[in-house]
Amino acid sequence: MDERELKRRAHDVDVTVWVGKSGLEAVVDELNDQLAERNLVKVKFLRAARAGATTEEQAATLAEEVNADLIETRGHTAVLHR
């Protein structure tokens, strides 16, 4: 599936993972589980999680942690695919 198709499919996907003040490490296991169930997951980065880093930087780091592809970021939301 190409990136354009993944972006189209992501439009209808709800956010199911929220990164808060506990940081990225707190959501890695949950995100791994969700990516195993469905290969497209939306992640929302709350203000407390951003702490000086951009959403793009945090999303790229999280994608590396869970061995997934970062499809896109929009606002404070990222779409990951495995």
Protein backbone atom coordinates (compact mmCIF):
# COMPACT_ATOMS: atom_id res chain seq x y z
CA MET A 1 0.00 0.00 0.00
CA ASP A 2 1.48 3.35 -0.96
CA GLU A 3 1.78 6.39 1.28
CA ARG A 4 -1.06 8.22 -0.45
CA GLU A 5 -3.46 5.34 0.20
CA LEU A 6 -2.33 5.13 3.84
CA LYS A 7 -2.99 8.86 4.32
CA ARG A 8 -6.45 8.43 2.81
CA ARG A 9 -7.23 5.52 5.13
CA ALA A 10 -5.84 7.40 8.14
CA HIS A 11 -8.44 10.12 7.67
CA ASP A 12 -11.15 7.81 9.07
CA VAL A 13 -9.04 6.39 11.92
CA ASP A 14 -9.65 7.74 15.43
CA VAL A 15 -6.85 8.64 17.83
CA THR A 16 -6.26 5.64 20.10
CA VAL A 17 -2.93 6.54 21.77
CA TRP A 18 -2.28 9.72 23.72
CA VAL A 19 1.23 10.74 24.76
CA GLY A 20 1.11 12.82 27.93
CA LYS A 21 3.42 14.00 30.68
CA SER A 22 4.75 10.47 31.25
CA GLY A 23 6.44 10.67 27.85
CA LEU A 24 7.01 8.31 24.97
CA GLU A 25 8.20 5.35 27.05
CA ALA A 26 4.81 5.13 28.74
CA VAL A 27 3.01 4.34 25.46
CA VAL A 28 5.49 2.09 23.63
CA ASP A 29 3.96 -1.22 24.77
CA GLU A 30 0.40 -0.10 24.08
CA LEU A 31 1.36 1.24 20.67
CA ASN A 32 3.13 -2.03 19.80
CA ASP A 33 -0.02 -3.96 20.72
CA GLN A 34 -2.24 -1.69 18.64
CA LEU A 35 0.06 -1.83 15.63
CA ALA A 36 0.00 -5.64 15.84
CA GLU A 37 -3.83 -5.61 15.81
CA ARG A 38 -4.27 -2.97 13.15
CA ASN A 39 -1.47 -1.66 11.05
CA LEU A 40 -2.51 2.01 11.14
CA VAL A 41 -2.64 3.97 14.42
CA LYS A 42 -3.13 7.66 15.22
CA VAL A 43 -1.18 9.13 18.12
CA LYS A 44 -1.97 12.48 19.77
CA PHE A 45 0.83 14.38 21.53
CA LEU A 46 -0.58 16.41 24.40
CA ARG A 47 1.01 19.71 25.43
CA ALA A 48 2.71 18.16 28.48
CA ALA A 49 4.47 15.61 26.26
CA ARG A 50 5.95 18.09 23.82
CA ALA A 51 8.27 19.89 26.29
CA GLY A 52 10.26 21.87 23.76
CA ALA A 53 10.33 19.25 20.98
CA THR A 54 8.21 19.41 17.86
CA THR A 55 5.49 16.90 17.13
CA GLU A 56 7.47 15.73 14.11
CA GLU A 57 10.56 15.02 16.25
CA GLN A 58 8.59 13.18 18.89
CA ALA A 59 6.65 11.19 16.30
CA ALA A 60 9.85 10.16 14.51
CA THR A 61 11.39 9.03 17.80
CA LEU A 62 8.28 7.05 18.71
CA ALA A 63 8.17 5.43 15.25
CA GLU A 64 11.78 4.26 15.71
CA GLU A 65 10.96 2.88 19.17
CA VAL A 66 8.15 0.69 17.83
CA ASN A 67 9.75 -0.11 14.45
CA ALA A 68 6.99 1.59 12.47
CA ASP A 69 6.80 4.06 9.60
CA LEU A 70 5.74 7.62 10.25
CA ILE A 71 3.14 8.30 7.56
CA GLU A 72 2.31 11.91 8.44
CA THR A 73 1.96 14.47 11.17
CA ARG A 74 -0.79 17.04 11.23
CA GLY A 75 -1.00 19.49 14.10
CA HIS A 76 -0.18 17.46 17.20
CA THR A 77 -1.30 14.15 15.73
CA ALA A 78 0.82 11.53 13.99
CA VAL A 79 -0.09 8.47 11.94
CA LEU A 80 2.10 5.37 12.30
CA HIS A 81 2.02 2.26 10.12
CA ARG A 82 3.58 -1.16 10.40
